[in-house]
Amino acid sequence: GGVQLVCLGLLGEYVGRIHSALQRRPAYFIAYDTADPAGASTPTV
């Protein structure tokens, strides 16, 4: 039973990564870039 659970866990890890890759969600979101001409003014934090 322990070996089966380990194997299922490994398979689940790979399947989860495939699922995450297919969703194509961005890994990050940029709030501002001080070099961006569209936001040339200094951001207010």
All heavy atoms as atom14 arrays in JSON, in Angstrom:
{
  "sequence": "GGVQLVCLGLLGEYVGRIHSALQRRPAYFIAYDTADPAGASTPTV",
  "atom14_mask": [
    [1, 1, 1, 1, 0, 0, 0, 0, 0, 0, 0, 0, 0, 0],
    [1, 1, 1, 1, 0, 0, 0, 0, 0, 0, 0, 0, 0, 0],
    [1, 1, 1, 1, 1, 1, 1, 0, 0, 0, 0, 0, 0, 0],
    [1, 1, 1, 1, 1, 1, 1, 1, 1, 0, 0, 0, 0, 0],
    [1, 1, 1, 1, 1, 1, 1, 1, 0, 0, 0, 0, 0, 0],
    [1, 1, 1, 1, 1, 1, 1, 0, 0, 0, 0, 0, 0, 0],
    [1, 1, 1, 1, 1, 1, 0, 0, 0, 0, 0, 0, 0, 0],
    [1, 1, 1, 1, 1, 1, 1, 1, 0, 0, 0, 0, 0, 0],
    [1, 1, 1, 1, 0, 0, 0, 0, 0, 0, 0, 0, 0, 0],
    [1, 1, 1, 1, 1, 1, 1, 1, 0, 0, 0, 0, 0, 0],
    [1, 1, 1, 1, 1, 1, 1, 1, 0, 0, 0, 0, 0, 0],
    [1, 1, 1, 1, 0, 0, 0, 0, 0, 0, 0, 0, 0, 0],
    [1, 1, 1, 1, 1, 1, 1, 1, 1, 0, 0, 0, 0, 0],
    [1, 1, 1, 1, 1, 1, 1, 1, 1, 1, 1, 1, 0, 0],
    [1, 1, 1, 1, 1, 1, 1, 0, 0, 0, 0, 0, 0, 0],
    [1, 1, 1, 1, 0, 0, 0, 0, 0, 0, 0, 0, 0, 0],
    [1, 1, 1, 1, 1, 1, 1, 1, 1, 1, 1, 0, 0, 0],
    [1, 1, 1, 1, 1, 1, 1, 1, 0, 0, 0, 0, 0, 0],
    [1, 1, 1, 1, 1, 1, 1, 1, 1, 1, 0, 0, 0, 0],
    [1, 1, 1, 1, 1, 1, 0, 0, 0, 0, 0, 0, 0, 0],
    [1, 1, 1, 1, 1, 0, 0, 0, 0, 0, 0, 0, 0, 0],
    [1, 1, 1, 1, 1, 1, 1, 1, 0, 0, 0, 0, 0, 0],
    [1, 1, 1, 1, 1, 1, 1, 1, 1, 0, 0, 0, 0, 0],
    [1, 1, 1, 1, 1, 1, 1, 1, 1, 1, 1, 0, 0, 0],
    [1, 1, 1, 1, 1, 1, 1, 1, 1, 1, 1, 0, 0, 0],
    [1, 1, 1, 1, 1, 1, 1, 0, 0, 0, 0, 0, 0, 0],
    [1, 1, 1, 1, 1, 0, 0, 0, 0, 0, 0, 0, 0, 0],
    [1, 1, 1, 1, 1, 1, 1, 1, 1, 1, 1, 1, 0, 0],
    [1, 1, 1, 1, 1, 1, 1, 1, 1, 1, 1, 0, 0, 0],
    [1, 1, 1, 1, 1, 1, 1, 1, 0, 0, 0, 0, 0, 0],
    [1, 1, 1, 1, 1, 0, 0, 0, 0, 0, 0, 0, 0, 0],
    [1, 1, 1, 1, 1, 1, 1, 1, 1, 1, 1, 1, 0, 0],
    [1, 1, 1, 1, 1, 1, 1, 1, 0, 0, 0, 0, 0, 0],
    [1, 1, 1, 1, 1, 1, 1, 0, 0, 0, 0, 0, 0, 0],
    [1, 1, 1, 1, 1, 0, 0, 0, 0, 0, 0, 0, 0, 0],
    [1, 1, 1, 1, 1, 1, 1, 1, 0, 0, 0, 0, 0, 0],
    [1, 1, 1, 1, 1, 1, 1, 0, 0, 0, 0, 0, 0, 0],
    [1, 1, 1, 1, 1, 0, 0, 0, 0, 0, 0, 0, 0, 0],
    [1, 1, 1, 1, 0, 0, 0, 0, 0, 0, 0, 0, 0, 0],
    [1, 1, 1, 1, 1, 0, 0, 0, 0, 0, 0, 0, 0, 0],
    [1, 1, 1, 1, 1, 1, 0, 0, 0, 0, 0, 0, 0, 0],
    [1, 1, 1, 1, 1, 1, 1, 0, 0, 0, 0, 0, 0, 0],
    [1, 1, 1, 1, 1, 1, 1, 0, 0, 0, 0, 0, 0, 0],
    [1, 1, 1, 1, 1, 1, 1, 0, 0, 0, 0, 0, 0, 0],
    [1, 1, 1, 1, 1, 1, 1, 0, 0, 0, 0, 0, 0, 0]
  ],
  "atom14_positions": [
    [[0.81, -1.21, 0.0], [0.0, 0.0, 0.0], [0.84, 1.26, 0.0], [0.51, 2.24, -0.68], [0.0, 0.0, 0.0], [0.0, 0.0, 0.0], [0.0, 0.0, 0.0], [0.0, 0.0, 0.0], [0.0, 0.0, 0.0], [0.0, 0.0, 0.0], [0.0, 0.0, 0.0], [0.0, 0.0, 0.0], [0.0, 0.0, 0.0], [0.0, 0.0, 0.0]],
    [[1.94, 1.25, 0.75], [2.82, 2.42, 0.78], [3.44, 2.7, -0.58], [3.5, 3.85, -1.02], [0.0, 0.0, 0.0], [0.0, 0.0, 0.0], [0.0, 0.0, 0.0], [0.0, 0.0, 0.0], [0.0, 0.0, 0.0], [0.0, 0.0, 0.0], [0.0, 0.0, 0.0], [0.0, 0.0, 0.0], [0.0, 0.0, 0.0], [0.0, 0.0, 0.0]],
    [[3.91, 1.65, -1.25], [4.49, 1.83, -2.58], [3.45, 2.36, -3.56], [3.72, 3.25, -4.38], [5.09, 0.49, -3.08], [5.46, 0.6, -4.56], [6.31, 0.12, -2.26], [0.0, 0.0, 0.0], [0.0, 0.0, 0.0], [0.0, 0.0, 0.0], [0.0, 0.0, 0.0], [0.0, 0.0, 0.0], [0.0, 0.0, 0.0], [0.0, 0.0, 0.0]],
    [[2.23, 1.85, -3.48], [1.18, 2.32, -4.37], [0.88, 3.8, -4.14], [0.69, 4.56, -5.11], [-0.09, 1.49, -4.17], [0.02, 0.06, -4.69], [-1.21, -0.76, -4.37], [-1.98, -0.42, -3.47], [-1.39, -1.86, -5.1], [0.0, 0.0, 0.0], [0.0, 0.0, 0.0], [0.0, 0.0, 0.0], [0.0, 0.0, 0.0], [0.0, 0.0, 0.0]],
    [[0.84, 4.22, -2.88], [0.58, 5.62, -2.6], [1.71, 6.52, -3.09], [1.47, 7.62, -3.6], [0.36, 5.82, -1.09], [-0.93, 5.23, -0.52], [-0.96, 5.4, 0.99], [-2.13, 5.91, -1.15], [0.0, 0.0, 0.0], [0.0, 0.0, 0.0], [0.0, 0.0, 0.0], [0.0, 0.0, 0.0], [0.0, 0.0, 0.0], [0.0, 0.0, 0.0]],
    [[2.95, 6.06, -2.94], [4.09, 6.83, -3.46], [3.98, 6.99, -4.97], [4.17, 8.08, -5.52], [5.42, 6.16, -3.06], [6.57, 6.81, -3.82], [5.65, 6.27, -1.57], [0.0, 0.0, 0.0], [0.0, 0.0, 0.0], [0.0, 0.0, 0.0], [0.0, 0.0, 0.0], [0.0, 0.0, 0.0], [0.0, 0.0, 0.0], [0.0, 0.0, 0.0]],
    [[3.67, 5.9, -5.65], [3.56, 5.95, -7.11], [2.42, 6.86, -7.54], [2.55, 7.65, -8.48], [3.34, 4.54, -7.67], [4.73, 3.42, -7.38], [0.0, 0.0, 0.0], [0.0, 0.0, 0.0], [0.0, 0.0, 0.0], [0.0, 0.0, 0.0], [0.0, 0.0, 0.0], [0.0, 0.0, 0.0], [0.0, 0.0, 0.0], [0.0, 0.0, 0.0]],
    [[1.28, 6.78, -6.85], [0.16, 7.65, -7.18], [0.52, 9.12, -6.91], [0.11, 10.01, -7.67], [-1.07, 7.26, -6.35], [-1.78, 5.96, -6.76], [-2.89, 5.64, -5.78], [-2.35, 6.08, -8.18], [0.0, 0.0, 0.0], [0.0, 0.0, 0.0], [0.0, 0.0, 0.0], [0.0, 0.0, 0.0], [0.0, 0.0, 0.0], [0.0, 0.0, 0.0]],
    [[1.28, 9.37, -5.85], [1.7, 10.74, -5.57], [2.6, 11.3, -6.66], [2.46, 12.45, -7.07], [0.0, 0.0, 0.0], [0.0, 0.0, 0.0], [0.0, 0.0, 0.0], [0.0, 0.0, 0.0], [0.0, 0.0, 0.0], [0.0, 0.0, 0.0], [0.0, 0.0, 0.0], [0.0, 0.0, 0.0], [0.0, 0.0, 0.0], [0.0, 0.0, 0.0]],
    [[3.53, 10.49, -7.15], [4.41, 10.93, -8.24], [3.61, 11.21, -9.5], [3.82, 12.22, -10.19], [5.48, 9.88, -8.5], [6.51, 9.67, -7.38], [7.41, 8.49, -7.69], [7.35, 10.93, -7.19], [0.0, 0.0, 0.0], [0.0, 0.0, 0.0], [0.0, 0.0, 0.0], [0.0, 0.0, 0.0], [0.0, 0.0, 0.0], [0.0, 0.0, 0.0]],
    [[2.7, 10.31, -9.83], [1.86, 10.53, -11.0], [1.02, 11.8, -10.84], [0.86, 12.59, -11.78], [0.95, 9.32, -11.22], [1.62, 8.04, -11.71], [0.63, 6.87, -11.69], [2.17, 8.22, -13.12], [0.0, 0.0, 0.0], [0.0, 0.0, 0.0], [0.0, 0.0, 0.0], [0.0, 0.0, 0.0], [0.0, 0.0, 0.0], [0.0, 0.0, 0.0]],
    [[0.47, 12.0, -9.63], [-0.34, 13.18, -9.39], [0.46, 14.46, -9.53], [-0.05, 15.48, -10.02], [0.0, 0.0, 0.0], [0.0, 0.0, 0.0], [0.0, 0.0, 0.0], [0.0, 0.0, 0.0], [0.0, 0.0, 0.0], [0.0, 0.0, 0.0], [0.0, 0.0, 0.0], [0.0, 0.0, 0.0], [0.0, 0.0, 0.0], [0.0, 0.0, 0.0]],
    [[1.73, 14.44, -9.11], [2.57, 15.63, -9.23], [2.76, 16.0, -10.7], [2.65, 17.18, -11.07], [3.92, 15.37, -8.57], [4.85, 16.56, -8.54], [4.35, 17.68, -7.66], [3.68, 17.39, -6.66], [4.64, 18.85, -7.97], [0.0, 0.0, 0.0], [0.0, 0.0, 0.0], [0.0, 0.0, 0.0], [0.0, 0.0, 0.0], [0.0, 0.0, 0.0]],
    [[3.03, 15.02, -11.54], [3.21, 15.31, -12.96], [1.89, 15.73, -13.61], [1.87, 16.66, -14.42], [3.78, 14.08, -13.67], [5.28, 13.96, -13.54], [5.85, 13.26, -12.49], [6.13, 14.55, -14.46], [7.22, 13.15, -12.35], [7.5, 14.44, -14.34], [8.04, 13.74, -13.29], [9.4, 13.65, -13.15], [0.0, 0.0, 0.0], [0.0, 0.0, 0.0]],
    [[0.8, 15.07, -13.27], [-0.5, 15.45, -13.84], [-0.87, 16.87, -13.41], [-1.39, 17.66, -14.21], [-1.6, 14.44, -13.4], [-2.98, 14.95, -13.81], [-1.34, 13.09, -14.03], [0.0, 0.0, 0.0], [0.0, 0.0, 0.0], [0.0, 0.0, 0.0], [0.0, 0.0, 0.0], [0.0, 0.0, 0.0], [0.0, 0.0, 0.0], [0.0, 0.0, 0.0]],
    [[-0.58, 17.22, -12.15], [-0.86, 18.56, -11.68], [-0.07, 19.61, -12.45], [-0.6, 20.68, -12.76], [0.0, 0.0, 0.0], [0.0, 0.0, 0.0], [0.0, 0.0, 0.0], [0.0, 0.0, 0.0], [0.0, 0.0, 0.0], [0.0, 0.0, 0.0], [0.0, 0.0, 0.0], [0.0, 0.0, 0.0], [0.0, 0.0, 0.0], [0.0, 0.0, 0.0]],
    [[1.16, 19.3, -12.77], [1.98, 20.25, -13.54], [1.47, 20.38, -14.97], [1.52, 21.46, -15.57], [3.44, 19.82, -13.5], [4.04, 19.99, -12.13], [5.45, 19.46, -12.02], [5.92, 19.63, -10.65], [6.45, 20.76, -10.19], [6.59, 21.79, -10.99], [6.83, 20.84, -8.93], [0.0, 0.0, 0.0], [0.0, 0.0, 0.0], [0.0, 0.0, 0.0]],
    [[1.03, 19.28, -15.54], [0.44, 19.36, -16.88], [-0.81, 20.23, -16.86], [-1.03, 21.09, -17.73], [0.11, 17.94, -17.4], [1.4, 17.14, -17.61], [-0.68, 18.01, -18.7], [1.16, 15.68, -17.93], [0.0, 0.0, 0.0], [0.0, 0.0, 0.0], [0.0, 0.0, 0.0], [0.0, 0.0, 0.0], [0.0, 0.0, 0.0], [0.0, 0.0, 0.0]],
    [[-1.64, 20.04, -15.84], [-2.86, 20.83, -15.7], [-2.52, 22.32, -15.55], [-3.15, 23.18, -16.18], [-3.64, 20.34, -14.49], [-4.84, 21.17, -14.16], [-5.96, 21.23, -14.95], [-5.09, 22.0, -13.1], [-6.84, 22.04, -14.42], [-6.35, 22.52, -13.29], [0.0, 0.0, 0.0], [0.0, 0.0, 0.0], [0.0, 0.0, 0.0], [0.0, 0.0, 0.0]],
    [[-1.5, 22.62, -14.72], [-1.11, 24.01, -14.52], [-0.58, 24.64, -15.8], [-0.87, 25.8, -16.11], [-0.07, 24.09, -13.41], [0.37, 25.41, -13.19], [0.0, 0.0, 0.0], [0.0, 0.0, 0.0], [0.0, 0.0, 0.0], [0.0, 0.0, 0.0], [0.0, 0.0, 0.0], [0.0, 0.0, 0.0], [0.0, 0.0, 0.0], [0.0, 0.0, 0.0]],
    [[0.2, 23.86, -16.57], [0.75, 24.38, -17.82], [-0.34, 24.63, -18.85], [-0.29, 25.62, -19.6], [1.79, 23.41, -18.37], [0.0, 0.0, 0.0], [0.0, 0.0, 0.0], [0.0, 0.0, 0.0], [0.0, 0.0, 0.0], [0.0, 0.0, 0.0], [0.0, 0.0, 0.0], [0.0, 0.0, 0.0], [0.0, 0.0, 0.0], [0.0, 0.0, 0.0]],
    [[-1.34, 23.77, -18.9], [-2.43, 23.94, -19.86], [-3.28, 25.17, -19.53], [-3.88, 25.77, -20.43], [-3.3, 22.69, -19.89], [-2.67, 21.44, -20.52], [-3.6, 20.25, -20.4], [-2.32, 21.71, -21.98], [0.0, 0.0, 0.0], [0.0, 0.0, 0.0], [0.0, 0.0, 0.0], [0.0, 0.0, 0.0], [0.0, 0.0, 0.0], [0.0, 0.0, 0.0]],
    [[-3.37, 25.54, -18.26], [-4.12, 26.73, -17.89], [-3.46, 28.01, -18.38], [-4.13, 29.01, -18.59], [-4.29, 26.79, -16.37], [-5.24, 25.75, -15.82], [-5.3, 25.81, -14.3], [-4.29, 26.02, -13.64], [-6.49, 25.62, -13.76], [0.0, 0.0, 0.0], [0.0, 0.0, 0.0], [0.0, 0.0, 0.0], [0.0, 0.0, 0.0], [0.0, 0.0, 0.0]],
    [[-2.13, 27.97, -18.55], [-1.37, 29.1, -19.09], [-1.6, 30.4, -18.29], [-1.71, 31.48, -18.86], [-1.7, 29.32, -20.57], [-1.44, 28.12, -21.45], [-1.69, 28.42, -22.91], [-0.74, 29.43, -23.39], [0.48, 29.16, -23.82], [0.93, 27.9, -23.83], [1.27, 30.12, -24.25], [0.0, 0.0, 0.0], [0.0, 0.0, 0.0], [0.0, 0.0, 0.0]],
    [[-1.68, 30.27, -16.99], [-1.8, 31.45, -16.16], [-0.44, 32.12, -16.01], [0.57, 31.44, -15.87], [-2.35, 31.07, -14.78], [-3.79, 30.58, -14.79], [-4.22, 30.11, -13.42], [-5.6, 29.63, -13.43], [-6.17, 28.98, -12.43], [-5.46, 28.72, -11.33], [-7.43, 28.58, -12.5], [0.0, 0.0, 0.0], [0.0, 0.0, 0.0], [0.0, 0.0, 0.0]],
    [[-0.39, 33.45, -16.02], [0.9, 34.14, -15.87], [1.54, 33.82, -14.52], [0.85, 33.68, -13.51], [0.51, 35.62, -15.96], [-0.82, 35.65, -16.62], [-1.51, 34.38, -16.22], [0.0, 0.0, 0.0], [0.0, 0.0, 0.0], [0.0, 0.0, 0.0], [0.0, 0.0, 0.0], [0.0, 0.0, 0.0], [0.0, 0.0, 0.0], [0.0, 0.0, 0.0]],
    [[2.85, 33.71, -14.53], [3.58, 33.44, -13.28], [3.69, 34.68, -12.41], [3.95, 34.58, -11.22], [4.97, 32.9, -13.59], [0.0, 0.0, 0.0], [0.0, 0.0, 0.0], [0.0, 0.0, 0.0], [0.0, 0.0, 0.0], [0.0, 0.0, 0.0], [0.0, 0.0, 0.0], [0.0, 0.0, 0.0], [0.0, 0.0, 0.0], [0.0, 0.0, 0.0]],
    [[3.48, 35.86, -12.99], [3.59, 37.11, -12.23], [2.75, 38.18, -12.91], [2.37, 38.06, -14.08], [5.05, 37.57, -12.14], [5.71, 37.77, -13.49], [5.61, 39.0, -14.17], [6.41, 36.75, -14.11], [6.19, 39.17, -15.4], [7.0, 36.92, -15.35], [6.89, 38.14, -15.99], [7.46, 38.32, -17.23], [0.0, 0.0, 0.0], [0.0, 0.0, 0.0]],
    [[2.43, 39.24, -12.16], [1.71, 40.4, -12.67], [2.5, 41.65, -12.31], [2.86, 41.84, -11.14], [0.3, 40.49, -12.06], [-0.57, 39.31, -12.38], [-0.66, 38.24, -11.49], [-1.3, 39.25, -13.56], [-1.46, 37.14, -11.77], [-2.09, 38.15, -13.85], [-2.18, 37.1, -12.96], [0.0, 0.0, 0.0], [0.0, 0.0, 0.0], [0.0, 0.0, 0.0]],
    [[2.78, 42.48, -13.3], [3.58, 43.68, -13.07], [2.66, 44.84, -12.68], [1.72, 45.18, -13.41], [4.39, 44.05, -14.33], [5.44, 42.96, -14.59], [5.06, 45.41, -14.18], [6.3, 43.21, -15.82], [0.0, 0.0, 0.0], [0.0, 0.0, 0.0], [0.0, 0.0, 0.0], [0.0, 0.0, 0.0], [0.0, 0.0, 0.0], [0.0, 0.0, 0.0]],
    [[2.93, 45.43, -11.53], [2.18, 46.6, -11.08], [2.64, 47.85, -11.81], [1.83, 48.66, -12.27], [2.31, 46.77, -9.57], [0.0, 0.0, 0.0], [0.0, 0.0, 0.0], [0.0, 0.0, 0.0], [0.0, 0.0, 0.0], [0.0, 0.0, 0.0], [0.0, 0.0, 0.0], [0.0, 0.0, 0.0], [0.0, 0.0, 0.0], [0.0, 0.0, 0.0]],
    [[3.96, 48.04, -11.91], [4.49, 49.15, -12.68], [5.94, 48.88, -13.05], [6.63, 48.08, -12.41], [4.37, 50.48, -11.92], [5.09, 50.52, -10.58], [6.48, 50.66, -10.49], [4.38, 50.45, -9.39], [7.13, 50.71, -9.28], [5.02, 50.5, -8.17], [6.39, 50.64, -8.12], [7.04, 50.68, -6.92], [0.0, 0.0, 0.0], [0.0, 0.0, 0.0]],
    [[6.38, 49.56, -14.09], [7.76, 49.54, -14.56], [8.15, 50.99, -14.79], [7.53, 51.68, -15.62], [7.89, 48.72, -15.84], [9.33, 48.66, -16.37], [10.2, 49.37, -15.84], [9.56, 47.89, -17.32], [0.0, 0.0, 0.0], [0.0, 0.0, 0.0], [0.0, 0.0, 0.0], [0.0, 0.0, 0.0], [0.0, 0.0, 0.0], [0.0, 0.0, 0.0]],
    [[9.13, 51.5, -14.08], [9.48, 52.91, -14.18], [10.04, 53.28, -15.55], [10.17, 54.47, -15.86], [10.51, 53.29, -13.11], [11.66, 52.42, -13.22], [9.9, 53.15, -11.71], [0.0, 0.0, 0.0], [0.0, 0.0, 0.0], [0.0, 0.0, 0.0], [0.0, 0.0, 0.0], [0.0, 0.0, 0.0], [0.0, 0.0, 0.0], [0.0, 0.0, 0.0]],
    [[10.36, 52.29, -16.39], [10.85, 52.57, -17.73], [9.74, 52.5, -18.77], [9.99, 52.7, -19.95], [11.96, 51.59, -18.11], [0.0, 0.0, 0.0], [0.0, 0.0, 0.0], [0.0, 0.0, 0.0], [0.0, 0.0, 0.0], [0.0, 0.0, 0.0], [0.0, 0.0, 0.0], [0.0, 0.0, 0.0], [0.0, 0.0, 0.0], [0.0, 0.0, 0.0]],
    [[8.52, 52.19, -18.32], [7.4, 52.06, -19.25], [6.91, 53.44, -19.65], [6.49, 54.22, -18.79], [6.26, 51.27, -18.58], [5.12, 50.98, -19.54], [5.21, 51.41, -20.71], [4.15, 50.33, -19.13], [0.0, 0.0, 0.0], [0.0, 0.0, 0.0], [0.0, 0.0, 0.0], [0.0, 0.0, 0.0], [0.0, 0.0, 0.0], [0.0, 0.0, 0.0]],
    [[6.94, 53.77, -20.96], [6.48, 55.09, -21.39], [5.03, 55.36, -21.01], [4.63, 56.5, -20.78], [6.64, 55.05, -22.91], [7.65, 53.97, -23.16], [7.43, 52.97, -22.08], [0.0, 0.0, 0.0], [0.0, 0.0, 0.0], [0.0, 0.0, 0.0], [0.0, 0.0, 0.0], [0.0, 0.0, 0.0], [0.0, 0.0, 0.0], [0.0, 0.0, 0.0]],
    [[4.21, 54.32, -20.93], [2.8, 54.51, -20.58], [2.63, 54.95, -19.14], [1.61, 55.52, -18.77], [2.02, 53.22, -20.83], [0.0, 0.0, 0.0], [0.0, 0.0, 0.0], [0.0, 0.0, 0.0], [0.0, 0.0, 0.0], [0.0, 0.0, 0.0], [0.0, 0.0, 0.0], [0.0, 0.0, 0.0], [0.0, 0.0, 0.0], [0.0, 0.0, 0.0]],
    [[3.61, 54.68, -18.32], [3.55, 55.09, -16.91], [4.8, 55.85, -16.55], [5.51, 55.5, -15.62], [0.0, 0.0, 0.0], [0.0, 0.0, 0.0], [0.0, 0.0, 0.0], [0.0, 0.0, 0.0], [0.0, 0.0, 0.0], [0.0, 0.0, 0.0], [0.0, 0.0, 0.0], [0.0, 0.0, 0.0], [0.0, 0.0, 0.0], [0.0, 0.0, 0.0]],
    [[5.07, 56.92, -17.32], [6.33, 57.64, -17.16], [6.44, 58.34, -15.82], [7.52, 58.55, -15.3], [6.47, 58.67, -18.28], [0.0, 0.0, 0.0], [0.0, 0.0, 0.0], [0.0, 0.0, 0.0], [0.0, 0.0, 0.0], [0.0, 0.0, 0.0], [0.0, 0.0, 0.0], [0.0, 0.0, 0.0], [0.0, 0.0, 0.0], [0.0, 0.0, 0.0]],
    [[5.32, 58.73, -15.24], [5.38, 59.39, -13.94], [5.78, 58.41, -12.86], [5.49, 57.22, -12.95], [4.02, 60.0, -13.59], [3.03, 58.99, -13.54], [0.0, 0.0, 0.0], [0.0, 0.0, 0.0], [0.0, 0.0, 0.0], [0.0, 0.0, 0.0], [0.0, 0.0, 0.0], [0.0, 0.0, 0.0], [0.0, 0.0, 0.0], [0.0, 0.0, 0.0]],
    [[6.43, 58.9, -11.84], [6.89, 58.03, -10.76], [5.7, 57.43, -10.03], [4.82, 58.16, -9.59], [7.75, 58.82, -9.77], [8.87, 59.36, -10.47], [8.24, 57.93, -8.65], [0.0, 0.0, 0.0], [0.0, 0.0, 0.0], [0.0, 0.0, 0.0], [0.0, 0.0, 0.0], [0.0, 0.0, 0.0], [0.0, 0.0, 0.0], [0.0, 0.0, 0.0]],
    [[5.63, 56.12, -9.89], [4.5, 55.49, -9.2], [4.44, 55.94, -7.75], [5.47, 56.23, -7.12], [4.77, 53.99, -9.33], [5.81, 53.87, -10.39], [6.59, 55.15, -10.37], [0.0, 0.0, 0.0], [0.0, 0.0, 0.0], [0.0, 0.0, 0.0], [0.0, 0.0, 0.0], [0.0, 0.0, 0.0], [0.0, 0.0, 0.0], [0.0, 0.0, 0.0]],
    [[3.25, 55.99, -7.24], [3.06, 56.33, -5.83], [2.85, 55.05, -5.04], [1.93, 54.29, -5.31], [1.84, 57.24, -5.65], [2.06, 58.44, -6.4], [1.64, 57.6, -4.2], [0.0, 0.0, 0.0], [0.0, 0.0, 0.0], [0.0, 0.0, 0.0], [0.0, 0.0, 0.0], [0.0, 0.0, 0.0], [0.0, 0.0, 0.0], [0.0, 0.0, 0.0]],
    [[3.73, 54.81, -4.09], [3.61, 53.64, -3.22], [3.27, 54.12, -1.83], [4.0, 54.93, -1.25], [4.94, 52.84, -3.19], [4.81, 51.65, -2.26], [5.32, 52.4, -4.58], [0.0, 0.0, 0.0], [0.0, 0.0, 0.0], [0.0, 0.0, 0.0], [0.0, 0.0, 0.0], [0.0, 0.0, 0.0], [0.0, 0.0, 0.0], [0.0, 0.0, 0.0]]
  ]
}
